[in-house]
Amino acid sequence: MADKKIKVTLVKSVIGTKQDHRATVRGLGLKRLNSSALLEDTPAVRGMIRKVAYLLKCEG
């Protein structure tokens, strides 16, 4: 399962969001609007994506 990748893009600003949601976005490797990261498809990463899904666009 870990050989797959997920591309996530930050499409909504983190301004006005909870502090732990901002930390989760940073933990996913996203720094600014429209930045993207290619991540391993692991349960931990999927949980982080699910937590801040309203800020992201995901491509599998």
N, C-alpha and C. Protein backbone atom coordinates (compact mmCIF):
# COMPACT_ATOMS: atom_id res chain seq x y z
N MET A 1 0.82 -1.20 0.00
CA MET A 1 0.00 0.00 0.00
C MET A 1 0.86 1.25 0.00
N ALA A 2 2.02 1.20 0.62
CA ALA A 2 2.86 2.39 0.75
C ALA A 2 3.57 2.75 -0.54
N ASP A 3 3.48 1.90 -1.58
CA ASP A 3 4.15 2.23 -2.83
C ASP A 3 3.31 3.19 -3.68
N LYS A 4 2.07 3.45 -3.29
CA LYS A 4 1.22 4.40 -4.01
C LYS A 4 1.47 5.80 -3.51
N LYS A 5 1.13 6.78 -4.34
CA LYS A 5 1.32 8.18 -3.98
C LYS A 5 0.00 8.93 -4.10
N ILE A 6 -0.14 9.97 -3.28
CA ILE A 6 -1.30 10.85 -3.34
C ILE A 6 -0.77 12.26 -3.53
N LYS A 7 -1.31 12.98 -4.50
CA LYS A 7 -0.93 14.38 -4.69
C LYS A 7 -1.99 15.25 -4.02
N VAL A 8 -1.57 16.10 -3.09
CA VAL A 8 -2.48 17.01 -2.41
C VAL A 8 -2.08 18.44 -2.73
N THR A 9 -3.08 19.29 -2.91
CA THR A 9 -2.88 20.70 -3.22
C THR A 9 -3.72 21.53 -2.27
N LEU A 10 -3.12 22.57 -1.71
CA LEU A 10 -3.83 23.48 -0.81
C LEU A 10 -4.61 24.48 -1.67
N VAL A 11 -5.95 24.41 -1.63
CA VAL A 11 -6.77 25.27 -2.49
C VAL A 11 -7.54 26.33 -1.71
N LYS A 12 -7.51 26.24 -0.37
CA LYS A 12 -8.19 27.22 0.45
C LYS A 12 -7.23 27.69 1.53
N SER A 13 -7.27 28.97 1.86
CA SER A 13 -6.35 29.54 2.82
C SER A 13 -6.56 28.98 4.22
N VAL A 14 -5.48 28.92 4.99
CA VAL A 14 -5.57 28.45 6.38
C VAL A 14 -5.87 29.59 7.35
N ILE A 15 -6.00 30.81 6.83
CA ILE A 15 -6.34 31.95 7.69
C ILE A 15 -7.73 31.71 8.29
N GLY A 16 -7.83 31.85 9.60
CA GLY A 16 -9.10 31.67 10.28
C GLY A 16 -9.42 30.24 10.66
N THR A 17 -8.51 29.31 10.39
CA THR A 17 -8.75 27.92 10.76
C THR A 17 -8.12 27.64 12.12
N LYS A 18 -8.45 26.48 12.69
CA LYS A 18 -7.90 26.10 13.99
C LYS A 18 -6.39 25.88 13.89
N GLN A 19 -5.73 26.11 15.01
CA GLN A 19 -4.28 25.99 15.05
C GLN A 19 -3.81 24.58 14.70
N ASP A 20 -4.52 23.56 15.18
CA ASP A 20 -4.09 22.19 14.87
C ASP A 20 -4.34 21.84 13.41
N HIS A 21 -5.31 22.47 12.76
CA HIS A 21 -5.52 22.25 11.33
C HIS A 21 -4.38 22.88 10.54
N ARG A 22 -3.93 24.06 10.97
CA ARG A 22 -2.77 24.69 10.32
C ARG A 22 -1.53 23.82 10.45
N ALA A 23 -1.35 23.24 11.64
CA ALA A 23 -0.21 22.37 11.87
C ALA A 23 -0.29 21.11 11.00
N THR A 24 -1.48 20.61 10.80
CA THR A 24 -1.67 19.43 9.95
C THR A 24 -1.31 19.74 8.50
N VAL A 25 -1.73 20.92 8.03
CA VAL A 25 -1.40 21.34 6.66
C VAL A 25 0.12 21.44 6.50
N ARG A 26 0.79 22.03 7.49
CA ARG A 26 2.25 22.12 7.45
C ARG A 26 2.89 20.73 7.49
N GLY A 27 2.30 19.84 8.27
CA GLY A 27 2.80 18.48 8.37
C GLY A 27 2.69 17.71 7.06
N LEU A 28 1.73 18.10 6.25
CA LEU A 28 1.59 17.49 4.92
C LEU A 28 2.57 18.09 3.92
N GLY A 29 3.31 19.11 4.33
CA GLY A 29 4.32 19.70 3.45
C GLY A 29 3.80 20.82 2.59
N LEU A 30 2.66 21.40 2.96
CA LEU A 30 2.06 22.48 2.18
C LEU A 30 2.33 23.80 2.88
N LYS A 31 2.87 24.77 2.14
CA LYS A 31 3.27 26.03 2.76
C LYS A 31 2.36 27.19 2.40
N ARG A 32 1.98 27.28 1.14
CA ARG A 32 1.16 28.42 0.72
C ARG A 32 0.07 27.95 -0.22
N LEU A 33 -0.84 28.84 -0.54
CA LEU A 33 -1.96 28.51 -1.42
C LEU A 33 -1.45 27.96 -2.75
N ASN A 34 -2.10 26.94 -3.25
CA ASN A 34 -1.78 26.27 -4.51
C ASN A 34 -0.47 25.50 -4.49
N SER A 35 0.14 25.31 -3.31
CA SER A 35 1.31 24.46 -3.24
C SER A 35 0.85 23.00 -3.22
N SER A 36 1.68 22.13 -3.77
CA SER A 36 1.34 20.71 -3.87
C SER A 36 2.42 19.86 -3.22
N ALA A 37 2.03 18.67 -2.82
CA ALA A 37 2.97 17.71 -2.27
C ALA A 37 2.57 16.32 -2.74
N LEU A 38 3.57 15.50 -3.02
CA LEU A 38 3.36 14.11 -3.41
C LEU A 38 3.71 13.26 -2.20
N LEU A 39 2.71 12.58 -1.63
CA LEU A 39 2.86 11.88 -0.36
C LEU A 39 2.62 10.39 -0.50
N GLU A 40 3.24 9.61 0.39
CA GLU A 40 2.99 8.17 0.44
C GLU A 40 1.55 7.92 0.88
N ASP A 41 0.95 6.88 0.35
CA ASP A 41 -0.43 6.53 0.70
C ASP A 41 -0.41 5.61 1.92
N THR A 42 -0.35 6.22 3.12
CA THR A 42 -0.34 5.47 4.37
C THR A 42 -1.57 5.86 5.19
N PRO A 43 -1.96 5.04 6.15
CA PRO A 43 -3.11 5.40 7.00
C PRO A 43 -2.91 6.72 7.74
N ALA A 44 -1.69 7.02 8.16
CA ALA A 44 -1.43 8.27 8.88
C ALA A 44 -1.66 9.48 7.97
N VAL A 45 -1.16 9.40 6.75
CA VAL A 45 -1.34 10.50 5.80
C VAL A 45 -2.81 10.64 5.43
N ARG A 46 -3.50 9.53 5.24
CA ARG A 46 -4.93 9.59 4.92
C ARG A 46 -5.72 10.24 6.04
N GLY A 47 -5.35 9.97 7.29
CA GLY A 47 -6.01 10.60 8.42
C GLY A 47 -5.79 12.10 8.45
N MET A 48 -4.56 12.53 8.14
CA MET A 48 -4.26 13.96 8.09
C MET A 48 -5.06 14.64 6.97
N ILE A 49 -5.14 13.98 5.82
CA ILE A 49 -5.90 14.54 4.70
C ILE A 49 -7.38 14.64 5.05
N ARG A 50 -7.91 13.61 5.71
CA ARG A 50 -9.32 13.62 6.10
C ARG A 50 -9.62 14.76 7.07
N LYS A 51 -8.68 15.06 7.95
CA LYS A 51 -8.88 16.10 8.96
C LYS A 51 -9.03 17.48 8.33
N VAL A 52 -8.26 17.76 7.27
CA VAL A 52 -8.29 19.09 6.65
C VAL A 52 -8.77 19.01 5.19
N ALA A 53 -9.64 18.06 4.91
CA ALA A 53 -10.10 17.83 3.53
C ALA A 53 -10.79 19.06 2.94
N TYR A 54 -11.39 19.90 3.78
CA TYR A 54 -12.09 21.08 3.30
C TYR A 54 -11.13 22.15 2.76
N LEU A 55 -9.83 21.97 2.98
CA LEU A 55 -8.82 22.92 2.49
C LEU A 55 -8.06 22.39 1.28
N LEU A 56 -8.22 21.11 0.97
CA LEU A 56 -7.36 20.43 0.00
C LEU A 56 -8.10 19.95 -1.23
N LYS A 57 -7.29 19.69 -2.26
CA LYS A 57 -7.74 18.93 -3.43
C LYS A 57 -6.80 17.74 -3.55
N CYS A 58 -7.36 16.55 -3.67
CA CYS A 58 -6.54 15.34 -3.71
C CYS A 58 -6.67 14.65 -5.05
N GLU A 59 -5.54 14.12 -5.52
CA GLU A 59 -5.52 13.32 -6.74
C GLU A 59 -4.77 12.04 -6.41
N GLY A 60 -5.36 10.93 -6.77
CA GLY A 60 -4.78 9.66 -6.37
C GLY A 60 -3.93 9.03 -7.38
